Protein backbone atom coordinates (compact mmCIF):
# COMPACT_ATOMS: atom_id res chain seq x y z
CA UNK A 1 0.00 0.00 0.00
CA UNK A 2 1.25 3.45 -0.93
CA UNK A 3 0.39 6.46 1.23
CA UNK A 4 0.39 10.06 0.00
CA UNK A 5 0.18 12.66 2.78
CA UNK A 6 0.23 16.40 3.13
CA UNK A 7 3.57 18.01 2.43
CA UNK A 8 5.42 19.28 5.51
CA UNK A 9 6.53 22.33 3.52
CA UNK A 10 2.90 23.28 2.76
CA UNK A 11 1.98 22.83 6.43
CA UNK A 12 5.01 24.90 7.52
CA UNK A 13 3.99 27.74 5.18
CA UNK A 14 0.48 27.66 6.64
CA UNK A 15 1.80 27.79 10.21
CA UNK A 16 4.03 30.73 9.26
CA UNK A 17 1.09 32.53 7.64
CA UNK A 18 -1.05 32.50 10.80
CA UNK A 19 1.00 34.95 12.90
CA UNK A 20 1.76 37.09 9.84
CA UNK A 21 -1.94 37.43 9.04
CA UNK A 22 -2.73 38.28 12.66
CA UNK A 23 -0.05 41.01 12.73
CA UNK A 24 -1.31 42.52 9.47
CA UNK A 25 -4.90 42.56 10.77
CA UNK A 26 -3.69 44.13 14.03
CA UNK A 27 -1.92 46.99 12.25
CA UNK A 28 -4.86 47.63 9.94
CA UNK A 29 -7.30 47.68 12.87
CA UNK A 30 -4.90 49.89 14.87
CA UNK A 31 -5.42 52.67 12.32
CA UNK A 32 -9.22 52.59 12.53
CA UNK A 33 -10.30 51.11 15.90
CA UNK A 34 -9.76 52.45 19.40
CA UNK A 35 -11.45 49.64 21.31
CA UNK A 36 -8.78 47.30 22.75
CA UNK A 37 -11.12 44.29 22.79
CA UNK A 38 -11.62 44.52 19.04
CA UNK A 39 -8.01 45.57 18.43
CA UNK A 40 -6.61 42.43 20.08
CA UNK A 41 -9.55 40.04 19.77
CA UNK A 42 -9.91 40.03 15.99
CA UNK A 43 -6.22 39.24 15.30
CA UNK A 44 -6.37 36.39 17.84
CA UNK A 45 -9.40 34.96 16.04
CA UNK A 46 -7.63 35.35 12.67
CA UNK A 47 -4.58 33.58 14.11
CA UNK A 48 -6.61 30.62 15.34
CA UNK A 49 -8.58 30.34 12.09
CA UNK A 50 -5.36 30.22 10.04
CA UNK A 51 -3.76 27.73 12.44
CA UNK A 52 -6.85 25.52 12.23
CA UNK A 53 -6.64 25.60 8.43
CA UNK A 54 -2.93 24.85 8.43
CA UNK A 55 -2.98 22.04 10.96
CA UNK A 56 -6.37 20.37 10.63
CA UNK A 57 -8.45 21.44 7.61
CA UNK A 58 -5.72 20.77 5.06
CA UNK A 59 -4.83 17.39 6.55
CA UNK A 60 -5.47 15.01 3.64
CA UNK A 61 -4.19 11.53 2.86
CA UNK A 62 -4.59 9.05 0.02
CA UNK A 63 -3.96 5.33 0.40
CA UNK A 64 -3.50 3.35 -2.82
CA UNK A 65 -3.70 -0.44 -2.60
CA UNK A 66 -1.98 -2.70 -5.17
CA UNK A 67 -5.42 -3.79 -6.46
CA UNK A 68 -6.26 -0.19 -7.44
CA UNK A 69 -8.47 0.77 -4.49
CA UNK A 70 -7.96 4.33 -3.28
CA UNK A 71 -9.08 5.61 0.11
CA UNK A 72 -9.31 9.37 0.57
CA UNK A 73 -9.02 10.76 4.13
CA UNK A 74 -9.65 14.34 5.18
CA UNK A 75 -9.05 15.56 8.75
CA UNK A 76 -8.21 11.97 9.71
CA UNK A 77 -11.61 10.62 8.61
CA UNK A 78 -12.35 8.41 5.63
CA UNK A 79 -14.22 10.54 3.09
CA UNK A 80 -14.49 8.17 0.13
CA UNK A 81 -13.23 4.96 -1.42
CA UNK A 82 -12.66 4.55 -5.15
CA UNK A 83 -12.05 1.49 -7.30
CA UNK A 84 -9.81 2.95 -9.99
CA UNK A 85 -10.75 0.40 -12.67
CA UNK A 86 -14.23 1.98 -12.60
CA UNK A 87 -12.93 5.57 -12.72
CA UNK A 88 -11.32 8.10 -15.02
CA UNK A 89 -8.98 10.64 -13.44
CA UNK A 90 -7.85 14.08 -14.51
CA UNK A 91 -6.55 17.19 -12.82
CA UNK A 92 -6.65 20.94 -13.01
CA UNK A 93 -3.54 22.85 -11.95
CA UNK A 94 -3.09 26.59 -11.56
CA UNK A 95 -0.06 28.46 -10.26
CA UNK A 96 0.29 32.15 -9.46
CA UNK A 97 3.94 32.12 -8.42
CA UNK A 98 3.65 31.70 -4.67
CA UNK A 99 0.88 29.12 -4.46
CA UNK A 100 -0.31 26.18 -6.49
CA UNK A 101 -3.93 25.09 -6.75
CA UNK A 102 -4.27 21.45 -7.73
CA UNK A 103 -7.66 19.77 -8.11
CA UNK A 104 -7.95 16.04 -8.74
CA UNK A 105 -11.07 15.10 -10.71
CA UNK A 106 -12.36 11.55 -10.32
CA UNK A 107 -15.24 10.40 -12.53
CA UNK A 108 -16.88 7.06 -11.80
CA UNK A 109 -17.82 5.81 -15.27
CA UNK A 110 -20.39 3.30 -14.02
CA UNK A 111 -22.39 5.58 -11.72
CA UNK A 112 -21.58 8.94 -13.38
CA UNK A 113 -20.57 10.46 -10.04
CA UNK A 114 -17.80 13.04 -10.30
CA UNK A 115 -15.75 14.44 -7.46
CA UNK A 116 -13.18 17.21 -7.38
CA UNK A 117 -10.63 17.00 -4.55
CA UNK A 118 -8.31 19.85 -3.55
CA UNK A 119 -4.84 18.26 -3.55
CA UNK A 120 -2.85 21.46 -2.98
CA UNK A 121 -1.75 20.33 0.53
CA UNK A 122 0.05 17.35 -1.02
CA UNK A 123 2.49 19.58 -2.87
CA UNK A 124 3.38 19.30 -6.56
CA UNK A 125 5.87 16.45 -6.32
CA UNK A 126 3.71 14.20 -4.14
CA UNK A 127 0.66 14.92 -6.30
CA UNK A 128 2.58 14.04 -9.46
CA UNK A 129 3.54 10.67 -7.94
CA UNK A 130 -0.05 10.04 -6.83
CA UNK A 131 -1.43 10.95 -10.25
CA UNK A 132 1.01 8.72 -12.13
CA UNK A 133 0.11 5.77 -9.91
CA UNK A 134 -3.62 6.46 -10.28
CA UNK A 135 -3.28 6.52 -14.08
CA UNK A 136 -1.71 3.06 -14.03
CA UNK A 137 -4.85 1.63 -12.40
CA UNK A 138 -7.46 3.26 -14.68
CA UNK A 139 -8.74 1.70 -17.90
CA UNK A 140 -9.31 4.85 -19.94
CA UNK A 141 -7.06 7.71 -21.00
CA UNK A 142 -7.20 10.50 -18.39
CA UNK A 143 -8.26 14.04 -19.08
CA UNK A 144 -5.71 16.70 -18.16
CA UNK A 145 -6.86 20.29 -17.74
CA UNK A 146 -4.30 23.06 -17.35
CA UNK A 147 -4.93 26.76 -17.04
């Protein structure tokens, strides 16, 4: 079984962003607000929201079995299971220099159900490995969308 988990670098960038965002919000509020509760409370809330996103919300994992079964976990919970011989996969990737948005599209040919999964937390290298291994287990030619 192969396991593809969130990149430590992506998590580290998210953890670094939390205090930076809180400081920026503090200085912006400092120019307009005189109430100390709002001045300190809002940046603390922003900090905790960004930390929650960095540590928990973006915690994804894929497990690929040798028989072509893929289990997708988000926040430590099993979200879905796919049999790749029944599916067609494709992806949509967009980069703006500092961040990369990667969406994995899985279409179940038999049921017609389609799902789009945000794979940005995996990082580009880990996603490329995952995608290559998923392609080996599908029966049809994948669709690749690039913007």
